[in-house]
């Protein structure tokens, strides 16, 4: 039997699937986002609209469970590892209007972020793999591409698309400035299990 590196998932390029979730689940998530209370989102615990210009709302457990059930097989096949939900944290919907978007960054949680979250009430969304689900399509906004630095990649996928990538310092990414309209995505982090 060949040896499989248990950390090989960290080097896999992003998963991109245009039909990641069905329209029924998209509609349910969208209805929640439209009625939820939104708060400004920080980066590393600081509110600075020159770095990130978005609001967030938490996704309730029943919707998150449906979302995870839908994306789990694709994650398992693409990253060639078992994945699980992280019950101690909520997935969040991000709403980006016109503005800076989100500067290049990685998704590994830092101690600075954890410490600031203790006092500012912002959620710490950690995990091994980041899953991004589009609730708005490119017809709803201009600009706003998800970009990766290496390998260079820019994405403006349709509503219902899923992009997933390791939440490690090797996967630097960001959101290009939004020129008009509104870009809405759901961010879920999952844990890799042995």
C-alpha atoms as a PDB file:
ATOM      1  CA  UNK A   1       0.000   0.000   0.000  1.00  0.00           C
ATOM      2  CA  UNK A   2       1.392   3.427  -0.968  1.00  0.00           C
ATOM      3  CA  UNK A   3       1.983   5.994   1.764  1.00  0.00           C
ATOM      4  CA  UNK A   4      -0.311   9.025   1.552  1.00  0.00           C
ATOM      5  CA  UNK A   5       0.888  12.242   3.168  1.00  0.00           C
ATOM      6  CA  UNK A   6      -1.859  13.256   5.650  1.00  0.00           C
ATOM      7  CA  UNK A   7      -1.075  16.934   4.994  1.00  0.00           C
ATOM      8  CA  UNK A   8      -1.216  16.676   1.177  1.00  0.00           C
ATOM      9  CA  UNK A   9      -4.553  18.580   1.171  1.00  0.00           C
ATOM     10  CA  UNK A  10      -2.602  21.748   2.094  1.00  0.00           C
ATOM     11  CA  UNK A  11      -0.954  21.821  -1.341  1.00  0.00           C
ATOM     12  CA  UNK A  12      -4.035  21.185  -3.482  1.00  0.00           C
ATOM     13  CA  UNK A  13      -5.100  24.093  -5.730  1.00  0.00           C
ATOM     14  CA  UNK A  14      -8.533  25.664  -5.205  1.00  0.00           C
ATOM     15  CA  UNK A  15     -11.672  23.694  -5.976  1.00  0.00           C
ATOM     16  CA  UNK A  16     -13.889  25.669  -8.364  1.00  0.00           C
ATOM     17  CA  UNK A  17     -17.336  24.343  -9.224  1.00  0.00           C
ATOM     18  CA  UNK A  18     -19.957  26.517 -10.894  1.00  0.00           C
ATOM     19  CA  UNK A  19     -22.889  24.385  -9.745  1.00  0.00           C
ATOM     20  CA  UNK A  20     -21.890  23.762  -6.145  1.00  0.00           C
ATOM     21  CA  UNK A  21     -25.321  24.211  -4.579  1.00  0.00           C
ATOM     22  CA  UNK A  22     -28.818  24.097  -6.012  1.00  0.00           C
ATOM     23  CA  UNK A  23     -31.138  27.076  -6.440  1.00  0.00           C
ATOM     24  CA  UNK A  24     -33.396  25.954  -3.554  1.00  0.00           C
ATOM     25  CA  UNK A  25     -30.516  26.109  -1.047  1.00  0.00           C
ATOM     26  CA  UNK A  26     -29.300  29.366  -2.637  1.00  0.00           C
ATOM     27  CA  UNK A  27     -32.780  30.834  -2.180  1.00  0.00           C
ATOM     28  CA  UNK A  28     -32.929  29.755   1.484  1.00  0.00           C
ATOM     29  CA  UNK A  29     -29.536  31.279   2.240  1.00  0.00           C
ATOM     30  CA  UNK A  30     -30.455  34.447   0.336  1.00  0.00           C
ATOM     31  CA  UNK A  31     -33.730  34.831   2.271  1.00  0.00           C
ATOM     32  CA  UNK A  32     -31.811  34.546   5.519  1.00  0.00           C
ATOM     33  CA  UNK A  33     -29.212  37.115   4.419  1.00  0.00           C
ATOM     34  CA  UNK A  34     -31.936  39.558   3.339  1.00  0.00           C
ATOM     35  CA  UNK A  35     -33.637  39.467   6.763  1.00  0.00           C
ATOM     36  CA  UNK A  36     -30.635  39.001   9.069  1.00  0.00           C
ATOM     37  CA  UNK A  37     -28.993  41.672  11.166  1.00  0.00           C
ATOM     38  CA  UNK A  38     -25.654  42.651   9.611  1.00  0.00           C
ATOM     39  CA  UNK A  39     -22.603  44.065  11.366  1.00  0.00           C
ATOM     40  CA  UNK A  40     -19.458  45.644   9.927  1.00  0.00           C
ATOM     41  CA  UNK A  41     -16.699  43.043   9.510  1.00  0.00           C
ATOM     42  CA  UNK A  42     -13.183  43.524  10.759  1.00  0.00           C
ATOM     43  CA  UNK A  43      -9.845  42.153   9.590  1.00  0.00           C
ATOM     44  CA  UNK A  44      -7.537  40.907  12.325  1.00  0.00           C
ATOM     45  CA  UNK A  45      -9.990  42.460  14.784  1.00  0.00           C
ATOM     46  CA  UNK A  46      -9.773  46.017  13.426  1.00  0.00           C
ATOM     47  CA  UNK A  47     -12.520  47.868  11.590  1.00  0.00           C
ATOM     48  CA  UNK A  48     -10.783  49.611   8.681  1.00  0.00           C
ATOM     49  CA  UNK A  49     -12.691  50.172   5.432  1.00  0.00           C
ATOM     50  CA  UNK A  50      -9.413  50.797   3.567  1.00  0.00           C
ATOM     51  CA  UNK A  51      -8.595  47.094   4.133  1.00  0.00           C
ATOM     52  CA  UNK A  52     -12.028  45.491   4.071  1.00  0.00           C
ATOM     53  CA  UNK A  53     -15.435  46.929   3.269  1.00  0.00           C
ATOM     54  CA  UNK A  54     -18.097  44.374   4.128  1.00  0.00           C
ATOM     55  CA  UNK A  55     -20.839  43.437   6.534  1.00  0.00           C
ATOM     56  CA  UNK A  56     -21.576  39.993   7.900  1.00  0.00           C
ATOM     57  CA  UNK A  57     -24.479  37.955   9.252  1.00  0.00           C
ATOM     58  CA  UNK A  58     -24.245  34.541  10.872  1.00  0.00           C
ATOM     59  CA  UNK A  59     -25.841  31.539   9.170  1.00  0.00           C
ATOM     60  CA  UNK A  60     -28.166  29.480  11.405  1.00  0.00           C
ATOM     61  CA  UNK A  61     -27.252  25.840  12.113  1.00  0.00           C
ATOM     62  CA  UNK A  62     -30.003  24.198  10.001  1.00  0.00           C
ATOM     63  CA  UNK A  63     -28.944  26.103   6.874  1.00  0.00           C
ATOM     64  CA  UNK A  64     -25.263  25.507   7.588  1.00  0.00           C
ATOM     65  CA  UNK A  65     -25.892  21.778   8.018  1.00  0.00           C
ATOM     66  CA  UNK A  66     -27.679  21.650   4.636  1.00  0.00           C
ATOM     67  CA  UNK A  67     -24.835  23.573   3.023  1.00  0.00           C
ATOM     68  CA  UNK A  68     -22.181  21.292   4.516  1.00  0.00           C
ATOM     69  CA  UNK A  69     -24.091  18.176   3.443  1.00  0.00           C
ATOM     70  CA  UNK A  70     -24.171  19.524  -0.121  1.00  0.00           C
ATOM     71  CA  UNK A  71     -20.475  20.472  -0.405  1.00  0.00           C
ATOM     72  CA  UNK A  72     -18.911  17.672   1.660  1.00  0.00           C
ATOM     73  CA  UNK A  73     -18.570  15.104  -1.185  1.00  0.00           C
ATOM     74  CA  UNK A  74     -16.855  17.618  -3.491  1.00  0.00           C
ATOM     75  CA  UNK A  75     -14.474  18.671  -0.706  1.00  0.00           C
ATOM     76  CA  UNK A  76     -13.635  15.070   0.167  1.00  0.00           C
ATOM     77  CA  UNK A  77     -12.982  14.181  -3.489  1.00  0.00           C
ATOM     78  CA  UNK A  78     -10.972  17.283  -4.345  1.00  0.00           C
ATOM     79  CA  UNK A  79      -8.795  17.433  -1.220  1.00  0.00           C
ATOM     80  CA  UNK A  80      -8.655  13.633  -0.819  1.00  0.00           C
ATOM     81  CA  UNK A  81      -9.329  13.793   2.912  1.00  0.00           C
ATOM     82  CA  UNK A  82     -12.233  13.599   5.336  1.00  0.00           C
ATOM     83  CA  UNK A  83     -13.785  16.892   6.403  1.00  0.00           C
ATOM     84  CA  UNK A  84     -16.181  17.877   9.162  1.00  0.00           C
ATOM     85  CA  UNK A  85     -18.169  20.863  10.375  1.00  0.00           C
ATOM     86  CA  UNK A  86     -16.801  22.940  13.226  1.00  0.00           C
ATOM     87  CA  UNK A  87     -19.680  23.035  15.721  1.00  0.00           C
ATOM     88  CA  UNK A  88     -18.183  25.812  17.847  1.00  0.00           C
ATOM     89  CA  UNK A  89     -18.428  28.464  15.141  1.00  0.00           C
ATOM     90  CA  UNK A  90     -20.986  29.762  12.687  1.00  0.00           C
ATOM     91  CA  UNK A  91     -20.596  30.218   8.984  1.00  0.00           C
ATOM     92  CA  UNK A  92     -21.052  33.820   7.910  1.00  0.00           C
ATOM     93  CA  UNK A  93     -22.535  35.639   4.936  1.00  0.00           C
ATOM     94  CA  UNK A  94     -20.496  38.592   3.670  1.00  0.00           C
ATOM     95  CA  UNK A  95     -22.147  41.454   1.873  1.00  0.00           C
ATOM     96  CA  UNK A  96     -19.774  43.696  -0.093  1.00  0.00           C
ATOM     97  CA  UNK A  97     -21.064  46.957  -1.556  1.00  0.00           C
ATOM     98  CA  UNK A  98     -19.032  49.439  -3.601  1.00  0.00           C
ATOM     99  CA  UNK A  99     -15.600  49.998  -2.130  1.00  0.00           C
ATOM    100  CA  UNK A 100     -12.228  48.468  -1.483  1.00  0.00           C
ATOM    101  CA  UNK A 101     -13.294  44.797  -1.328  1.00  0.00           C
ATOM    102  CA  UNK A 102     -10.725  42.940   0.782  1.00  0.00           C
ATOM    103  CA  UNK A 103      -6.948  43.226   0.483  1.00  0.00           C
ATOM    104  CA  UNK A 104      -4.723  40.189  -0.101  1.00  0.00           C
ATOM    105  CA  UNK A 105      -4.570  37.981   2.997  1.00  0.00           C
ATOM    106  CA  UNK A 106      -4.547  34.364   4.168  1.00  0.00           C
ATOM    107  CA  UNK A 107      -7.222  32.654   6.263  1.00  0.00           C
ATOM    108  CA  UNK A 108      -5.134  31.109   9.021  1.00  0.00           C
ATOM    109  CA  UNK A 109      -6.372  32.559  12.321  1.00  0.00           C
ATOM    110  CA  UNK A 110      -3.787  34.553  14.274  1.00  0.00           C
ATOM    111  CA  UNK A 111      -3.434  35.112  18.015  1.00  0.00           C
ATOM    112  CA  UNK A 112      -3.949  38.856  17.429  1.00  0.00           C
ATOM    113  CA  UNK A 113      -7.334  38.111  15.845  1.00  0.00           C
ATOM    114  CA  UNK A 114      -8.329  35.790  18.707  1.00  0.00           C
ATOM    115  CA  UNK A 115      -7.322  38.321  21.357  1.00  0.00           C
ATOM    116  CA  UNK A 116      -9.176  41.224  19.717  1.00  0.00           C
ATOM    117  CA  UNK A 117     -12.287  39.059  19.240  1.00  0.00           C
ATOM    118  CA  UNK A 118     -12.504  38.640  23.007  1.00  0.00           C
ATOM    119  CA  UNK A 119     -13.282  42.344  23.339  1.00  0.00           C
ATOM    120  CA  UNK A 120     -14.918  43.387  20.053  1.00  0.00           C
ATOM    121  CA  UNK A 121     -17.520  40.617  19.622  1.00  0.00           C
ATOM    122  CA  UNK A 122     -16.365  39.706  16.115  1.00  0.00           C
ATOM    123  CA  UNK A 123     -16.513  36.021  15.192  1.00  0.00           C
ATOM    124  CA  UNK A 124     -13.270  34.132  14.708  1.00  0.00           C
ATOM    125  CA  UNK A 125     -13.832  31.905  11.695  1.00  0.00           C
ATOM    126  CA  UNK A 126     -11.063  29.330  11.767  1.00  0.00           C
ATOM    127  CA  UNK A 127     -10.585  25.928  10.203  1.00  0.00           C
ATOM    128  CA  UNK A 128      -8.487  24.004   7.727  1.00  0.00           C
ATOM    129  CA  UNK A 129     -10.354  24.636   4.473  1.00  0.00           C
ATOM    130  CA  UNK A 130     -12.242  27.770   3.441  1.00  0.00           C
ATOM    131  CA  UNK A 131     -15.440  27.232   1.458  1.00  0.00           C
ATOM    132  CA  UNK A 132     -16.911  30.226  -0.408  1.00  0.00           C
ATOM    133  CA  UNK A 133     -20.450  29.994  -1.802  1.00  0.00           C
ATOM    134  CA  UNK A 134     -21.776  32.679  -4.174  1.00  0.00           C
ATOM    135  CA  UNK A 135     -25.291  33.972  -3.490  1.00  0.00           C
ATOM    136  CA  UNK A 136     -24.967  36.693  -6.122  1.00  0.00           C
ATOM    137  CA  UNK A 137     -23.723  36.272  -9.646  1.00  0.00           C
ATOM    138  CA  UNK A 138     -21.610  38.545 -11.836  1.00  0.00           C
ATOM    139  CA  UNK A 139     -24.772  40.189 -13.175  1.00  0.00           C
ATOM    140  CA  UNK A 140     -25.371  41.619  -9.658  1.00  0.00           C
ATOM    141  CA  UNK A 141     -22.111  43.563  -9.293  1.00  0.00           C
ATOM    142  CA  UNK A 142     -19.094  44.847 -11.206  1.00  0.00           C
ATOM    143  CA  UNK A 143     -15.551  44.273  -9.987  1.00  0.00           C
ATOM    144  CA  UNK A 144     -15.362  42.100  -6.885  1.00  0.00           C
ATOM    145  CA  UNK A 145     -13.406  39.161  -8.295  1.00  0.00           C
ATOM    146  CA  UNK A 146     -11.989  36.643  -5.843  1.00  0.00           C
ATOM    147  CA  UNK A 147      -8.285  36.579  -6.629  1.00  0.00           C
ATOM    148  CA  UNK A 148      -5.416  34.287  -5.703  1.00  0.00           C
ATOM    149  CA  UNK A 149      -1.794  35.405  -5.929  1.00  0.00           C
ATOM    150  CA  UNK A 150      -0.090  32.073  -6.656  1.00  0.00           C
ATOM    151  CA  UNK A 151      -1.018  30.586  -8.918  1.00  0.00           C
ATOM    152  CA  UNK A 152      -2.618  33.743 -10.294  1.00  0.00           C
ATOM    153  CA  UNK A 153      -6.366  33.254 -10.611  1.00  0.00           C
ATOM    154  CA  UNK A 154      -9.395  35.604 -10.718  1.00  0.00           C
ATOM    155  CA  UNK A 155     -12.963  34.370 -10.341  1.00  0.00           C
ATOM    156  CA  UNK A 156     -16.421  35.934 -10.757  1.00  0.00           C
ATOM    157  CA  UNK A 157     -18.515  32.764 -10.753  1.00  0.00           C
ATOM    158  CA  UNK A 158     -22.285  32.427 -11.048  1.00  0.00           C
ATOM    159  CA  UNK A 159     -24.773  32.222  -8.206  1.00  0.00           C
ATOM    160  CA  UNK A 160     -24.525  28.805  -6.542  1.00  0.00           C
ATOM    161  CA  UNK A 161     -20.825  28.371  -7.328  1.00  0.00           C
ATOM    162  CA  UNK A 162     -18.460  26.971  -4.699  1.00  0.00           C
ATOM    163  CA  UNK A 163     -14.760  27.709  -4.357  1.00  0.00           C
ATOM    164  CA  UNK A 164     -12.723  25.972  -1.648  1.00  0.00           C
ATOM    165  CA  UNK A 165      -9.055  26.216  -0.712  1.00  0.00           C
ATOM    166  CA  UNK A 166      -6.722  25.463   2.191  1.00  0.00           C
ATOM    167  CA  UNK A 167      -6.875  28.147   4.912  1.00  0.00           C
ATOM    168  CA  UNK A 168      -3.082  28.387   5.079  1.00  0.00           C
ATOM    169  CA  UNK A 169      -0.528  31.188   4.589  1.00  0.00           C
ATOM    170  CA  UNK A 170       0.331  29.631   1.203  1.00  0.00           C
ATOM    171  CA  UNK A 171      -3.086  30.559  -0.228  1.00  0.00           C
ATOM    172  CA  UNK A 172      -2.994  34.353  -0.375  1.00  0.00           C
ATOM    173  CA  UNK A 173      -6.236  35.728  -1.789  1.00  0.00           C
ATOM    174  CA  UNK A 174      -8.558  38.720  -1.637  1.00  0.00           C
ATOM    175  CA  UNK A 175     -11.565  40.458  -3.176  1.00  0.00           C
ATOM    176  CA  UNK A 176     -11.023  43.089  -5.876  1.00  0.00           C
ATOM    177  CA  UNK A 177     -12.801  46.434  -5.329  1.00  0.00           C
ATOM    178  CA  UNK A 178     -16.528  46.365  -5.973  1.00  0.00           C
ATOM    179  CA  UNK A 179     -17.393  49.091  -8.482  1.00  0.00           C
ATOM    180  CA  UNK A 180     -21.190  48.805  -8.328  1.00  0.00           C
ATOM    181  CA  UNK A 181     -23.915  46.520  -7.041  1.00  0.00           C
ATOM    182  CA  UNK A 182     -23.640  44.027  -4.210  1.00  0.00           C
ATOM    183  CA  UNK A 183     -21.541  40.861  -3.901  1.00  0.00           C
ATOM    184  CA  UNK A 184     -22.869  38.299  -1.410  1.00  0.00           C
ATOM    185  CA  UNK A 185     -21.061  35.112  -0.404  1.00  0.00           C
ATOM    186  CA  UNK A 186     -21.245  32.620   2.436  1.00  0.00           C
ATOM    187  CA  UNK A 187     -17.995  31.597   4.086  1.00  0.00           C
ATOM    188  CA  UNK A 188     -17.776  28.224   5.817  1.00  0.00           C
ATOM    189  CA  UNK A 189     -14.644  26.758   7.323  1.00  0.00           C
ATOM    190  CA  UNK A 190     -14.310  23.032   7.727  1.00  0.00           C
ATOM    191  CA  UNK A 191     -11.879  20.860   9.654  1.00  0.00           C
ATOM    192  CA  UNK A 192      -9.793  18.123   8.114  1.00  0.00           C
ATOM    193  CA  UNK A 193     -10.125  14.897  10.067  1.00  0.00           C
ATOM    194  CA  UNK A 194      -7.739  11.968   9.991  1.00  0.00           C
END
